[in-house]
Structure formats: C-alpha cells, structure tokens
Amino acid sequence: MNSIKIALKYIKNLPIVYDLIIKLSKKKIIITKPRDADLIFVGSSFIMGQDHPSVSMLSKLFGHALRKMSYKNLIPSNFELDFYLGTVGRRLKPIKIFYTRENLPHNTIDCDYSITNDIAADNPNHLRIPNWKDHIDWSENNSVDKLHYSEQIGKRFGSLLKISELMKPQGSDFIFKNRNMSLITSHLREPRRSIYLKFSSHFKVDGYGPFFDKRIKHHNKSNFTKKEIMRDYAFNLCPENTLYPGFYTEKVPESFIAKSLPITWADPNINYDFNEKAFINLINYQFNNYEDIIELLKQDSFLKKFTHEPLLLKSINLEKETIFIEKILKKL
C-alpha cells in the first residue's frame, strides 16, 4: 500500500490526527469518498442533527422545531451508519473512527475507534485529545512535520498557542490594565447570559463577536483577532458552553497568552489539564451568585496571586496520540 485513502464524513478537518498520519505513515494521503476509503472519520454533526440525512430531509418540512430533537434519537445502528456512509456490501471493511470536538461520550457512535474529549473513558480503542490541544503550535517541539490546518485554526485568535508561553507565569500585566472585562461570543445561551448580566452589573463588560455585532456572519470572518481584543482588558469572561468532564476549549489558554486573566465556567476536572491557580473557575463561586469572586476581583492582593502561576505545570507532547495513531495504521 503506497497510499492511504481517508474520508471525512460529517467533519471538517482533523488537526493533530491528520498531521500524525502523514508523519507516521510516510505515505501519500488521498482524501476520498467513504465507499473508497481505508479510514473513515465520522464527525459529531452526524448525530447532532446538523448533517444527519433524515434531519436534512425532514427539516424542509418541519423547520427549526426538528433541531430540538435529542441527539440520542439520531444515533445510528451499525447497518444504518454503513448505509449512510455508502459502505454496505464492501468486502474489505474500512476502519471507522468516531471523531468529535463536542461534549459527547466516546461511545456515542459505535465505531472501531474513537477520538473525543471524554476524560473518564476506560477503553483501549479510545483516545482523548482535549479540544484546546488543537490550537497548540506543535511545530514548536517538532511533534509534527507540518501543520496542515494551522492557518484555519489560528486565524481567530491571531496565532497558534506556544507551549513555552503557557509554561511561563502569567505576569502582572493584567493588573495594571483598566479593570474591565471582554466577552467574545456568538451566543448568550444560558448560563452565559446570566453570567454576562451578573458581571455587567459590577464591571464594564464589552461584548464582541457575532452576538454583539450582527454584521459578523461567522467568527472566522470578523475584522479583529481575539488576541487584539483581549490584550486591552484585565479580565476575559470566557465560560464554556456546557459542563462535561474533559470538554475544555481554547478559551482559557488564549486568554492566558493574551495577558488577560481567564474567568471561565467549566467542569471542575479542568484542573486535570490546567493549573487551577492560573485562572478563575466560576463553578467554585456560584453558590452565592458569584458575589464573593466579584469582590475578590477588586482586590490587588487577590489578583497578585495569579501573577506567578503558569497555566501548564509541565510540558505537553503528542506521545499518547502517536501511539494511538500507530496502532490504527498497523491495522491497514
């Protein structure tokens, strides 16, 4: 086999994974249709209703109401998945990998392997790659030869994230800025709305992004980078969309590198990835409607505690990812 045929179904790209396949296989990679592929990566938009064949057809009849359907109602059987992929009847079955950057369990779709954010999965055929790792500049430590999705991923922030910067202390820059907050978002669904309203009553919170500027049709097509915005603020309000063990996006590390103290709302297991002393997790202050943390943010003595803390307590690498991809490639 001089080449590897890969199909991406209900998925846009494969940061890290695609780069490792190229590096480890040393073969020509051909992007093709599922019926011809050796490896098929099945994305989460399939079962979240965005690209599901049934939803695509029925939404024309029932409109937005169909979007409220539980994703559990859209999970296909093995035969249904093969039918949607067009692989029914193939003599040599392709290897199927469930790949999601959303907050979904690793076994949501029954595939040969899975790559998700799931932090507690006890399955040798599962690999956890936290969402925020996609935004790291892996060329810095030569983990990959080339970053094929780097321009697309780093565009919104203004650059990819350097491991060396995440391992340095936050420093005191944010303390000397005006004690205002930035919030960059495309929506204000709960609890983001309540958090925004609460802190807006005590601080000046400036909103950016598609929710606050309807002229922005997509967050990758704005006339600013997140780094340009956040560096002018002492604080960045960056709550996650949901609480799920292992689901931590680029929001905290981006804010940290921009020298704007990250104020997130995330599952407590975020401390597994990041130094809990380098950012604020509102989940620890929600019991009296955030009144305690609001007062603490006005005190220099409290803020100075963050100046000596790095976000990463130890360097990160792609060793586990490399071993996992090698295992898959050996099956071809």
C-alpha atoms as a PDB file:
ATOM      1  CA  MET A   1       0.000   0.000   0.000  1.00  0.00           C
ATOM      2  CA  ASN A   2       1.651   3.184  -1.233  1.00  0.00           C
ATOM      3  CA  SER A   3      -1.169   5.469  -0.162  1.00  0.00           C
ATOM      4  CA  ILE A   4      -3.862   5.782   2.485  1.00  0.00           C
ATOM      5  CA  LYS A   5      -7.349   6.793   1.451  1.00  0.00           C
ATOM      6  CA  ILE A   6      -9.149   8.859   4.077  1.00  0.00           C
ATOM      7  CA  ALA A   7     -12.766  10.010   4.152  1.00  0.00           C
ATOM      8  CA  LEU A   8     -14.055  12.788   6.401  1.00  0.00           C
ATOM      9  CA  LYS A   9     -17.793  12.375   6.886  1.00  0.00           C
ATOM     10  CA  TYR A  10     -19.774  14.959   8.864  1.00  0.00           C
ATOM     11  CA  ILE A  11     -16.479  16.545   9.871  1.00  0.00           C
ATOM     12  CA  LYS A  12     -14.478  19.483   8.509  1.00  0.00           C
ATOM     13  CA  ASN A  13     -10.894  18.755   9.469  1.00  0.00           C
ATOM     14  CA  LEU A  14      -8.543  16.623  11.563  1.00  0.00           C
ATOM     15  CA  PRO A  15      -5.995  18.797  13.348  1.00  0.00           C
ATOM     16  CA  ILE A  16      -3.222  16.788  15.017  1.00  0.00           C
ATOM     17  CA  VAL A  17      -4.581  13.452  13.779  1.00  0.00           C
ATOM     18  CA  TYR A  18      -4.126  14.239  10.086  1.00  0.00           C
ATOM     19  CA  ASP A  19      -0.633  15.593  10.673  1.00  0.00           C
ATOM     20  CA  LEU A  20       0.364  12.495  12.638  1.00  0.00           C
ATOM     21  CA  ILE A  21      -0.999  10.139   9.979  1.00  0.00           C
ATOM     22  CA  ILE A  22       1.176  11.874   7.392  1.00  0.00           C
ATOM     23  CA  LYS A  23       4.250  11.807   9.623  1.00  0.00           C
ATOM     24  CA  LEU A  24       3.916   8.218  10.832  1.00  0.00           C
ATOM     25  CA  SER A  25       2.707   6.500   7.668  1.00  0.00           C
ATOM     26  CA  LYS A  26       5.147   8.230   5.310  1.00  0.00           C
ATOM     27  CA  LYS A  27       2.607   7.546   2.582  1.00  0.00           C
ATOM     28  CA  LYS A  28       0.595   9.628   0.198  1.00  0.00           C
ATOM     29  CA  ILE A  29      -2.732  10.661   1.725  1.00  0.00           C
ATOM     30  CA  ILE A  30      -5.734  10.716  -0.583  1.00  0.00           C
ATOM     31  CA  ILE A  31      -8.985  12.326   0.564  1.00  0.00           C
ATOM     32  CA  THR A  32     -11.797  10.335  -0.969  1.00  0.00           C
ATOM     33  CA  LYS A  33     -15.402   9.227  -0.508  1.00  0.00           C
ATOM     34  CA  PRO A  34     -16.302   6.725   2.241  1.00  0.00           C
ATOM     35  CA  ARG A  35     -17.024   3.902  -0.194  1.00  0.00           C
ATOM     36  CA  ASP A  36     -13.387   4.002  -1.355  1.00  0.00           C
ATOM     37  CA  ALA A  37     -11.669   4.849   1.946  1.00  0.00           C
ATOM     38  CA  ASP A  38      -9.322   2.854   4.140  1.00  0.00           C
ATOM     39  CA  LEU A  39     -10.055   5.125   7.121  1.00  0.00           C
ATOM     40  CA  ILE A  40     -13.365   6.888   7.699  1.00  0.00           C
ATOM     41  CA  PHE A  41     -13.615   9.603  10.329  1.00  0.00           C
ATOM     42  CA  VAL A  42     -17.235  10.135  11.378  1.00  0.00           C
ATOM     43  CA  GLY A  43     -17.927  13.538  12.906  1.00  0.00           C
ATOM     44  CA  SER A  44     -20.413  14.573  15.564  1.00  0.00           C
ATOM     45  CA  SER A  45     -22.562  16.780  13.325  1.00  0.00           C
ATOM     46  CA  PHE A  46     -23.986  13.486  12.086  1.00  0.00           C
ATOM     47  CA  ILE A  47     -25.852  12.784  15.319  1.00  0.00           C
ATOM     48  CA  MET A  48     -26.351  16.390  16.446  1.00  0.00           C
ATOM     49  CA  GLY A  49     -28.763  16.963  13.582  1.00  0.00           C
ATOM     50  CA  GLN A  50     -26.620  19.313  11.521  1.00  0.00           C
ATOM     51  CA  ASP A  51     -25.780  16.869   8.720  1.00  0.00           C
ATOM     52  CA  HIS A  52     -27.945  13.883   9.515  1.00  0.00           C
ATOM     53  CA  PRO A  53     -29.626  12.607   6.319  1.00  0.00           C
ATOM     54  CA  SER A  54     -33.032  12.308   7.987  1.00  0.00           C
ATOM     55  CA  VAL A  55     -32.812  15.767   9.511  1.00  0.00           C
ATOM     56  CA  SER A  56     -31.680  17.309   6.243  1.00  0.00           C
ATOM     57  CA  MET A  57     -34.778  15.936   4.529  1.00  0.00           C
ATOM     58  CA  LEU A  58     -37.354  16.413   7.283  1.00  0.00           C
ATOM     59  CA  SER A  59     -36.203  19.901   8.253  1.00  0.00           C
ATOM     60  CA  LYS A  60     -37.548  21.104   4.930  1.00  0.00           C
ATOM     61  CA  LEU A  61     -40.974  20.005   6.133  1.00  0.00           C
ATOM     62  CA  PHE A  62     -40.838  20.738   9.861  1.00  0.00           C
ATOM     63  CA  GLY A  63     -38.279  23.535  10.067  1.00  0.00           C
ATOM     64  CA  HIS A  64     -36.435  24.625  13.196  1.00  0.00           C
ATOM     65  CA  ALA A  65     -38.562  22.507  15.547  1.00  0.00           C
ATOM     66  CA  LEU A  66     -36.719  19.430  14.374  1.00  0.00           C
ATOM     67  CA  ARG A  67     -33.478  20.849  15.754  1.00  0.00           C
ATOM     68  CA  LYS A  68     -34.823  20.275  19.267  1.00  0.00           C
ATOM     69  CA  MET A  69     -34.715  16.524  18.732  1.00  0.00           C
ATOM     70  CA  SER A  70     -32.410  14.778  21.197  1.00  0.00           C
ATOM     71  CA  TYR A  71     -29.169  13.610  19.611  1.00  0.00           C
ATOM     72  CA  LYS A  72     -29.848  10.198  21.173  1.00  0.00           C
ATOM     73  CA  ASN A  73     -32.726   9.774  18.728  1.00  0.00           C
ATOM     74  CA  LEU A  74     -30.297  10.206  15.846  1.00  0.00           C
ATOM     75  CA  ILE A  75     -27.656   7.646  16.832  1.00  0.00           C
ATOM     76  CA  PRO A  76     -27.481   5.093  14.016  1.00  0.00           C
ATOM     77  CA  SER A  77     -27.131   1.348  14.249  1.00  0.00           C
ATOM     78  CA  ASN A  78     -24.079  -0.218  12.625  1.00  0.00           C
ATOM     79  CA  PHE A  79     -26.081  -1.019   9.495  1.00  0.00           C
ATOM     80  CA  GLU A  80     -27.564   2.474   9.333  1.00  0.00           C
ATOM     81  CA  LEU A  81     -24.108   4.003   9.652  1.00  0.00           C
ATOM     82  CA  ASP A  82     -22.766   1.799   6.852  1.00  0.00           C
ATOM     83  CA  PHE A  83     -25.805   2.745   4.769  1.00  0.00           C
ATOM     84  CA  TYR A  84     -25.267   6.479   5.288  1.00  0.00           C
ATOM     85  CA  LEU A  85     -21.562   6.089   4.549  1.00  0.00           C
ATOM     86  CA  GLY A  86     -22.208   4.006   1.440  1.00  0.00           C
ATOM     87  CA  THR A  87     -20.068   1.115   2.650  1.00  0.00           C
ATOM     88  CA  VAL A  88     -22.733  -1.609   2.752  1.00  0.00           C
ATOM     89  CA  GLY A  89     -21.517  -4.699   0.929  1.00  0.00           C
ATOM     90  CA  ARG A  90     -17.841  -3.800   0.873  1.00  0.00           C
ATOM     91  CA  ARG A  91     -15.706  -6.943   1.044  1.00  0.00           C
ATOM     92  CA  LEU A  92     -12.896  -5.197   2.900  1.00  0.00           C
ATOM     93  CA  LYS A  93     -14.448  -3.093   5.603  1.00  0.00           C
ATOM     94  CA  PRO A  94     -12.845   0.298   6.260  1.00  0.00           C
ATOM     95  CA  ILE A  95     -11.689   1.284   9.729  1.00  0.00           C
ATOM     96  CA  LYS A  96     -14.213   3.692  11.236  1.00  0.00           C
ATOM     97  CA  ILE A  97     -13.218   6.297  13.819  1.00  0.00           C
ATOM     98  CA  PHE A  98     -15.727   8.414  15.705  1.00  0.00           C
ATOM     99  CA  TYR A  99     -14.168  11.870  15.996  1.00  0.00           C
ATOM    100  CA  THR A 100     -15.742  14.782  17.848  1.00  0.00           C
ATOM    101  CA  ARG A 101     -14.628  18.058  19.411  1.00  0.00           C
ATOM    102  CA  GLU A 102     -18.001  18.424  21.164  1.00  0.00           C
ATOM    103  CA  ASN A 103     -19.096  17.266  24.617  1.00  0.00           C
ATOM    104  CA  LEU A 104     -20.195  13.784  23.602  1.00  0.00           C
ATOM    105  CA  PRO A 105     -19.300  10.406  25.171  1.00  0.00           C
ATOM    106  CA  HIS A 106     -16.665   8.366  23.393  1.00  0.00           C
ATOM    107  CA  ASN A 107     -19.133   5.565  22.639  1.00  0.00           C
ATOM    108  CA  THR A 108     -21.833   7.782  21.165  1.00  0.00           C
ATOM    109  CA  ILE A 109     -21.388   6.103  17.789  1.00  0.00           C
ATOM    110  CA  ASP A 110     -20.186   2.510  17.687  1.00  0.00           C
ATOM    111  CA  CYS A 111     -17.011   2.649  15.607  1.00  0.00           C
ATOM    112  CA  ASP A 112     -13.754   0.726  15.676  1.00  0.00           C
ATOM    113  CA  TYR A 113     -12.003   3.618  17.432  1.00  0.00           C
ATOM    114  CA  SER A 114     -12.952   6.954  18.933  1.00  0.00           C
ATOM    115  CA  ILE A 115     -11.189  10.268  19.493  1.00  0.00           C
ATOM    116  CA  THR A 116     -13.050  12.637  21.807  1.00  0.00           C
ATOM    117  CA  ASN A 117     -12.783  14.986  24.794  1.00  0.00           C
ATOM    118  CA  ASP A 118     -14.038  12.263  27.144  1.00  0.00           C
ATOM    119  CA  ILE A 119     -11.780  12.252  30.208  1.00  0.00           C
ATOM    120  CA  ALA A 120     -13.007   9.139  32.021  1.00  0.00           C
ATOM    121  CA  ALA A 121     -13.332   6.612  29.203  1.00  0.00           C
ATOM    122  CA  ASP A 122     -11.737   3.262  30.057  1.00  0.00           C
ATOM    123  CA  ASN A 123     -11.374   1.876  26.564  1.00  0.00           C
ATOM    124  CA  PRO A 124      -8.097   0.970  24.812  1.00  0.00           C
ATOM    125  CA  ASN A 125      -9.634   1.976  21.486  1.00  0.00           C
ATOM    126  CA  HIS A 126     -10.385   5.487  22.693  1.00  0.00           C
ATOM    127  CA  LEU A 127      -8.048   8.462  22.653  1.00  0.00           C
ATOM    128  CA  ARG A 128      -8.687  11.698  24.483  1.00  0.00           C
ATOM    129  CA  ILE A 129      -7.498  14.809  22.683  1.00  0.00           C
ATOM    130  CA  PRO A 130      -8.882  17.815  24.563  1.00  0.00           C
ATOM    131  CA  ASN A 131     -10.310  20.499  22.318  1.00  0.00           C
ATOM    132  CA  TRP A 132      -7.710  23.090  23.328  1.00  0.00           C
ATOM    133  CA  LYS A 133      -4.838  20.887  22.121  1.00  0.00           C
ATOM    134  CA  ASP A 134      -5.921  21.542  18.536  1.00  0.00           C
ATOM    135  CA  HIS A 135      -4.797  25.154  18.996  1.00  0.00           C
ATOM    136  CA  ILE A 136      -1.221  24.360  20.034  1.00  0.00           C
ATOM    137  CA  ASP A 137       1.678  25.051  17.688  1.00  0.00           C
ATOM    138  CA  TRP A 138       3.051  21.513  17.572  1.00  0.00           C
ATOM    139  CA  SER A 139       5.851  22.514  15.235  1.00  0.00           C
ATOM    140  CA  GLU A 140       7.474  24.226  18.237  1.00  0.00           C
ATOM    141  CA  ASN A 141       8.655  20.887  19.650  1.00  0.00           C
ATOM    142  CA  ASN A 142       8.796  19.050  16.309  1.00  0.00           C
ATOM    143  CA  SER A 143       5.862  16.802  17.207  1.00  0.00           C
ATOM    144  CA  VAL A 144       4.624  17.100  13.619  1.00  0.00           C
ATOM    145  CA  ASP A 145       6.407  17.970  10.395  1.00  0.00           C
ATOM    146  CA  LYS A 146       3.782  20.375   9.091  1.00  0.00           C
ATOM    147  CA  LEU A 147       0.599  21.936  10.443  1.00  0.00           C
ATOM    148  CA  HIS A 148      -1.937  21.429   7.679  1.00  0.00           C
ATOM    149  CA  TYR A 149      -4.782  23.193   9.479  1.00  0.00           C
ATOM    150  CA  SER A 150      -2.721  25.829  11.304  1.00  0.00           C
ATOM    151  CA  GLU A 151      -3.850  28.841   9.292  1.00  0.00           C
ATOM    152  CA  GLN A 152      -7.511  27.981   9.720  1.00  0.00           C
ATOM    153  CA  ILE A 153      -7.309  27.151  13.436  1.00  0.00           C
ATOM    154  CA  GLY A 154      -5.076  30.036  14.482  1.00  0.00           C
ATOM    155  CA  LYS A 155      -6.878  32.671  12.432  1.00  0.00           C
ATOM    156  CA  ARG A 156      -9.500  33.573  15.023  1.00  0.00           C
ATOM    157  CA  PHE A 157      -7.046  34.175  17.865  1.00  0.00           C
ATOM    158  CA  GLY A 158      -4.292  35.594  15.683  1.00  0.00           C
ATOM    159  CA  SER A 159      -1.824  32.726  16.079  1.00  0.00           C
ATOM    160  CA  LEU A 160      -1.441  29.212  17.358  1.00  0.00           C
ATOM    161  CA  LEU A 161      -0.556  28.802  21.036  1.00  0.00           C
ATOM    162  CA  LYS A 162       3.050  28.279  22.111  1.00  0.00           C
ATOM    163  CA  ILE A 163       3.699  25.679  24.805  1.00  0.00           C
ATOM    164  CA  SER A 164       6.610  27.766  26.070  1.00  0.00           C
ATOM    165  CA  GLU A 165       4.289  30.733  26.708  1.00  0.00           C
ATOM    166  CA  LEU A 166       1.760  28.599  28.567  1.00  0.00           C
ATOM    167  CA  MET A 167       4.533  27.373  30.876  1.00  0.00           C
ATOM    168  CA  LYS A 168       5.593  30.886  31.840  1.00  0.00           C
ATOM    169  CA  PRO A 169       3.928  32.729  34.758  1.00  0.00           C
ATOM    170  CA  GLN A 170       1.032  34.978  33.803  1.00  0.00           C
ATOM    171  CA  GLY A 171       2.917  38.050  34.959  1.00  0.00           C
ATOM    172  CA  SER A 172       1.435  41.292  36.273  1.00  0.00           C
ATOM    173  CA  ASP A 173       0.452  42.999  33.000  1.00  0.00           C
ATOM    174  CA  PHE A 174      -3.260  42.414  33.569  1.00  0.00           C
ATOM    175  CA  ILE A 175      -3.197  44.094  36.997  1.00  0.00           C
ATOM    176  CA  PHE A 176      -2.169  47.430  35.509  1.00  0.00           C
ATOM    177  CA  LYS A 177      -4.928  47.477  32.900  1.00  0.00           C
ATOM    178  CA  ASN A 178      -8.341  49.023  33.429  1.00  0.00           C
ATOM    179  CA  ARG A 179     -10.359  46.519  35.457  1.00  0.00           C
ATOM    180  CA  ASN A 180     -12.754  45.865  32.593  1.00  0.00           C
ATOM    181  CA  MET A 181     -13.827  42.589  31.009  1.00  0.00           C
ATOM    182  CA  SER A 182     -14.132  41.347  27.457  1.00  0.00           C
ATOM    183  CA  LEU A 183     -16.558  38.682  26.278  1.00  0.00           C
ATOM    184  CA  ILE A 184     -16.206  37.273  22.767  1.00  0.00           C
ATOM    185  CA  THR A 185     -19.111  35.059  21.785  1.00  0.00           C
ATOM    186  CA  SER A 186     -21.560  34.063  19.087  1.00  0.00           C
ATOM    187  CA  HIS A 187     -24.410  33.446  21.537  1.00  0.00           C
ATOM    188  CA  LEU A 188     -25.704  34.212  25.027  1.00  0.00           C
ATOM    189  CA  ARG A 189     -27.419  30.969  25.837  1.00  0.00           C
ATOM    190  CA  GLU A 190     -27.598  30.052  29.497  1.00  0.00           C
ATOM    191  CA  PRO A 191     -25.634  30.102  31.678  1.00  0.00           C
ATOM    192  CA  ARG A 192     -23.557  32.528  29.618  1.00  0.00           C
ATOM    193  CA  ARG A 193     -26.378  35.068  29.612  1.00  0.00           C
ATOM    194  CA  SER A 194     -26.770  35.063  33.407  1.00  0.00           C
ATOM    195  CA  ILE A 195     -23.005  35.293  33.919  1.00  0.00           C
ATOM    196  CA  TYR A 196     -22.788  38.204  31.496  1.00  0.00           C
ATOM    197  CA  LEU A 197     -25.649  40.082  33.168  1.00  0.00           C
ATOM    198  CA  LYS A 198     -24.293  39.489  36.675  1.00  0.00           C
ATOM    199  CA  PHE A 199     -20.792  40.732  35.943  1.00  0.00           C
ATOM    200  CA  SER A 200     -22.098  43.604  33.823  1.00  0.00           C
ATOM    201  CA  SER A 201     -23.775  44.966  36.929  1.00  0.00           C
ATOM    202  CA  HIS A 202     -20.385  45.246  38.685  1.00  0.00           C
ATOM    203  CA  PHE A 203     -17.852  45.714  35.867  1.00  0.00           C
ATOM    204  CA  LYS A 204     -17.723  47.207  32.427  1.00  0.00           C
ATOM    205  CA  VAL A 205     -18.104  44.167  30.180  1.00  0.00           C
ATOM    206  CA  ASP A 206     -17.527  44.825  26.484  1.00  0.00           C
ATOM    207  CA  GLY A 207     -19.035  42.285  24.122  1.00  0.00           C
ATOM    208  CA  TYR A 208     -17.517  41.223  20.807  1.00  0.00           C
ATOM    209  CA  GLY A 209     -18.347  38.644  18.185  1.00  0.00           C
ATOM    210  CA  PRO A 210     -21.438  37.667  16.168  1.00  0.00           C
ATOM    211  CA  PHE A 211     -23.876  38.029  19.073  1.00  0.00           C
ATOM    212  CA  PHE A 212     -22.965  41.658  19.652  1.00  0.00           C
ATOM    213  CA  ASP A 213     -22.235  42.563  16.023  1.00  0.00           C
ATOM    214  CA  LYS A 214     -24.749  41.095  13.588  1.00  0.00           C
ATOM    215  CA  ARG A 215     -22.578  42.149  10.656  1.00  0.00           C
ATOM    216  CA  ILE A 216     -20.238  39.280  11.560  1.00  0.00           C
ATOM    217  CA  LYS A 217     -21.654  36.249   9.778  1.00  0.00           C
ATOM    218  CA  HIS A 218     -19.022  33.836  11.073  1.00  0.00           C
ATOM    219  CA  HIS A 219     -16.465  34.138  13.871  1.00  0.00           C
ATOM    220  CA  ASN A 220     -13.617  33.413  11.455  1.00  0.00           C
ATOM    221  CA  LYS A 221     -14.695  36.331   9.279  1.00  0.00           C
ATOM    222  CA  SER A 222     -14.557  39.181  11.792  1.00  0.00           C
ATOM    223  CA  ASN A 223     -12.346  42.239  11.349  1.00  0.00           C
ATOM    224  CA  PHE A 224     -10.358  41.537  14.520  1.00  0.00           C
ATOM    225  CA  THR A 225      -8.426  38.775  16.240  1.00  0.00           C
ATOM    226  CA  LYS A 226      -9.233  37.654  19.771  1.00  0.00           C
ATOM    227  CA  LYS A 227      -5.685  38.447  20.845  1.00  0.00           C
ATOM    228  CA  GLU A 228      -6.080  42.083  19.730  1.00  0.00           C
ATOM    229  CA  ILE A 229      -9.242  42.414  21.817  1.00  0.00           C
ATOM    230  CA  MET A 230      -8.215  40.603  24.998  1.00  0.00           C
ATOM    231  CA  ARG A 231      -4.833  42.271  25.445  1.00  0.00           C
ATOM    232  CA  ASP A 232      -6.595  45.550  26.298  1.00  0.00           C
ATOM    233  CA  TYR A 233      -8.578  44.043  29.187  1.00  0.00           C
ATOM    234  CA  ALA A 234      -7.606  42.944  32.677  1.00  0.00           C
ATOM    235  CA  PHE A 235     -10.164  40.140  32.562  1.00  0.00           C
ATOM    236  CA  ASN A 236     -11.624  37.893  29.894  1.00  0.00           C
ATOM    237  CA  LEU A 237     -15.006  36.355  30.621  1.00  0.00           C
ATOM    238  CA  CYS A 238     -14.805  33.007  28.843  1.00  0.00           C
ATOM    239  CA  PRO A 239     -17.391  30.500  30.135  1.00  0.00           C
ATOM    240  CA  GLU A 240     -17.624  27.157  28.375  1.00  0.00           C
ATOM    241  CA  ASN A 241     -20.865  26.192  26.657  1.00  0.00           C
ATOM    242  CA  THR A 242     -21.500  23.280  28.962  1.00  0.00           C
ATOM    243  CA  LEU A 243     -20.165  21.276  31.897  1.00  0.00           C
ATOM    244  CA  TYR A 244     -18.711  17.990  30.715  1.00  0.00           C
ATOM    245  CA  PRO A 245     -15.690  16.129  32.125  1.00  0.00           C
ATOM    246  CA  GLY A 246     -12.856  16.661  29.667  1.00  0.00           C
ATOM    247  CA  PHE A 247     -14.527  19.302  27.498  1.00  0.00           C
ATOM    248  CA  TYR A 248     -12.234  22.325  27.695  1.00  0.00           C
ATOM    249  CA  THR A 249     -11.761  24.564  24.691  1.00  0.00           C
ATOM    250  CA  GLU A 250      -9.125  27.095  23.702  1.00  0.00           C
ATOM    251  CA  LYS A 251     -10.774  29.890  25.709  1.00  0.00           C
ATOM    252  CA  VAL A 252      -8.633  29.707  28.867  1.00  0.00           C
ATOM    253  CA  PRO A 253      -5.195  29.270  27.213  1.00  0.00           C
ATOM    254  CA  GLU A 254      -5.937  32.002  24.665  1.00  0.00           C
ATOM    255  CA  SER A 255      -6.903  34.426  27.415  1.00  0.00           C
ATOM    256  CA  PHE A 256      -3.799  33.487  29.394  1.00  0.00           C
ATOM    257  CA  ILE A 257      -1.461  34.164  26.467  1.00  0.00           C
ATOM    258  CA  ALA A 258      -3.204  37.487  25.767  1.00  0.00           C
ATOM    259  CA  LYS A 259      -2.319  38.563  29.344  1.00  0.00           C
ATOM    260  CA  SER A 260      -5.980  38.819  30.312  1.00  0.00           C
ATOM    261  CA  LEU A 261      -6.941  36.872  33.439  1.00  0.00           C
ATOM    262  CA  PRO A 262      -9.222  33.997  32.323  1.00  0.00           C
ATOM    263  CA  ILE A 263     -12.587  33.818  34.080  1.00  0.00           C
ATOM    264  CA  THR A 264     -14.243  30.626  32.904  1.00  0.00           C
ATOM    265  CA  TRP A 265     -17.176  28.413  33.861  1.00  0.00           C
ATOM    266  CA  ALA A 266     -16.124  24.826  33.364  1.00  0.00           C
ATOM    267  CA  ASP A 267     -16.301  21.323  34.747  1.00  0.00           C
ATOM    268  CA  PRO A 268     -14.041  21.011  37.850  1.00  0.00           C
ATOM    269  CA  ASN A 269     -11.873  18.420  36.106  1.00  0.00           C
ATOM    270  CA  ILE A 270     -10.366  21.246  34.070  1.00  0.00           C
ATOM    271  CA  ASN A 271      -7.646  21.144  36.747  1.00  0.00           C
ATOM    272  CA  TYR A 272      -6.528  17.889  35.119  1.00  0.00           C
ATOM    273  CA  ASP A 273      -5.331  19.931  32.129  1.00  0.00           C
ATOM    274  CA  PHE A 274      -4.516  23.330  33.615  1.00  0.00           C
ATOM    275  CA  ASN A 275      -3.028  24.800  36.782  1.00  0.00           C
ATOM    276  CA  GLU A 276      -6.084  25.823  38.817  1.00  0.00           C
ATOM    277  CA  LYS A 277      -4.125  28.710  40.357  1.00  0.00           C
ATOM    278  CA  ALA A 278      -3.674  30.395  36.969  1.00  0.00           C
ATOM    279  CA  PHE A 279      -7.326  31.168  36.211  1.00  0.00           C
ATOM    280  CA  ILE A 280     -10.721  31.577  37.847  1.00  0.00           C
ATOM    281  CA  ASN A 281     -13.388  28.907  37.521  1.00  0.00           C
ATOM    282  CA  LEU A 282     -16.788  30.364  38.359  1.00  0.00           C
ATOM    283  CA  ILE A 283     -18.090  26.906  39.216  1.00  0.00           C
ATOM    284  CA  ASN A 284     -16.284  27.384  42.540  1.00  0.00           C
ATOM    285  CA  TYR A 285     -18.091  30.659  43.287  1.00  0.00           C
ATOM    286  CA  GLN A 286     -21.642  30.123  42.060  1.00  0.00           C
ATOM    287  CA  PHE A 287     -23.338  29.327  45.373  1.00  0.00           C
ATOM    288  CA  ASN A 288     -23.964  32.958  46.330  1.00  0.00           C
ATOM    289  CA  ASN A 289     -24.438  34.128  42.769  1.00  0.00           C
ATOM    290  CA  TYR A 290     -20.753  34.999  42.311  1.00  0.00           C
ATOM    291  CA  GLU A 291     -20.777  37.771  44.934  1.00  0.00           C
ATOM    292  CA  ASP A 292     -17.560  36.532  46.595  1.00  0.00           C
ATOM    293  CA  ILE A 293     -15.490  36.449  43.419  1.00  0.00           C
ATOM    294  CA  ILE A 294     -16.837  39.817  42.306  1.00  0.00           C
ATOM    295  CA  GLU A 295     -15.462  41.389  45.479  1.00  0.00           C
ATOM    296  CA  LEU A 296     -12.171  39.491  45.233  1.00  0.00           C
ATOM    297  CA  LEU A 297     -11.592  40.741  41.691  1.00  0.00           C
ATOM    298  CA  LYS A 298     -11.470  44.265  43.084  1.00  0.00           C
ATOM    299  CA  GLN A 299      -8.601  43.424  45.458  1.00  0.00           C
ATOM    300  CA  ASP A 300      -4.975  43.694  44.345  1.00  0.00           C
ATOM    301  CA  SER A 301      -3.856  41.196  46.979  1.00  0.00           C
ATOM    302  CA  PHE A 302      -6.097  38.544  45.409  1.00  0.00           C
ATOM    303  CA  LEU A 303      -5.058  39.312  41.841  1.00  0.00           C
ATOM    304  CA  LYS A 304      -1.345  39.205  42.632  1.00  0.00           C
ATOM    305  CA  LYS A 305      -1.681  35.507  43.456  1.00  0.00           C
ATOM    306  CA  PHE A 306      -2.141  34.791  39.760  1.00  0.00           C
ATOM    307  CA  THR A 307       0.938  36.653  38.559  1.00  0.00           C
ATOM    308  CA  HIS A 308       3.413  33.889  39.477  1.00  0.00           C
ATOM    309  CA  GLU A 309       1.398  30.995  38.080  1.00  0.00           C
ATOM    310  CA  PRO A 310       1.896  29.262  34.706  1.00  0.00           C
ATOM    311  CA  LEU A 311      -1.098  27.669  33.026  1.00  0.00           C
ATOM    312  CA  LEU A 312       0.769  24.438  32.299  1.00  0.00           C
ATOM    313  CA  LEU A 313       2.699  22.881  35.172  1.00  0.00           C
ATOM    314  CA  LYS A 314       4.560  20.512  32.867  1.00  0.00           C
ATOM    315  CA  SER A 315       5.290  20.359  29.177  1.00  0.00           C
ATOM    316  CA  ILE A 316       2.859  18.581  26.890  1.00  0.00           C
ATOM    317  CA  ASN A 317       3.530  16.357  23.908  1.00  0.00           C
ATOM    318  CA  LEU A 318       1.841  14.017  21.457  1.00  0.00           C
ATOM    319  CA  GLU A 319       3.209  10.713  22.764  1.00  0.00           C
ATOM    320  CA  LYS A 320      -0.184   9.143  23.507  1.00  0.00           C
ATOM    321  CA  GLU A 321      -1.562  10.437  20.240  1.00  0.00           C
ATOM    322  CA  THR A 322       1.386   8.968  18.344  1.00  0.00           C
ATOM    323  CA  ILE A 323       0.995   5.527  19.936  1.00  0.00           C
ATOM    324  CA  PHE A 324      -2.741   5.528  19.203  1.00  0.00           C
ATOM    325  CA  ILE A 325      -2.380   6.513  15.547  1.00  0.00           C
ATOM    326  CA  GLU A 326       0.387   3.944  15.072  1.00  0.00           C
ATOM    327  CA  LYS A 327      -1.976   1.271  16.415  1.00  0.00           C
ATOM    328  CA  ILE A 328      -4.621   2.228  13.856  1.00  0.00           C
ATOM    329  CA  LEU A 329      -2.162   2.346  10.972  1.00  0.00           C
ATOM    330  CA  LYS A 330      -0.935  -1.170  11.781  1.00  0.00           C
ATOM    331  CA  LYS A 331      -4.471  -2.443  11.108  1.00  0.00           C
ATOM    332  CA  LEU A 332      -4.377  -1.277   7.485  1.00  0.00           C
END
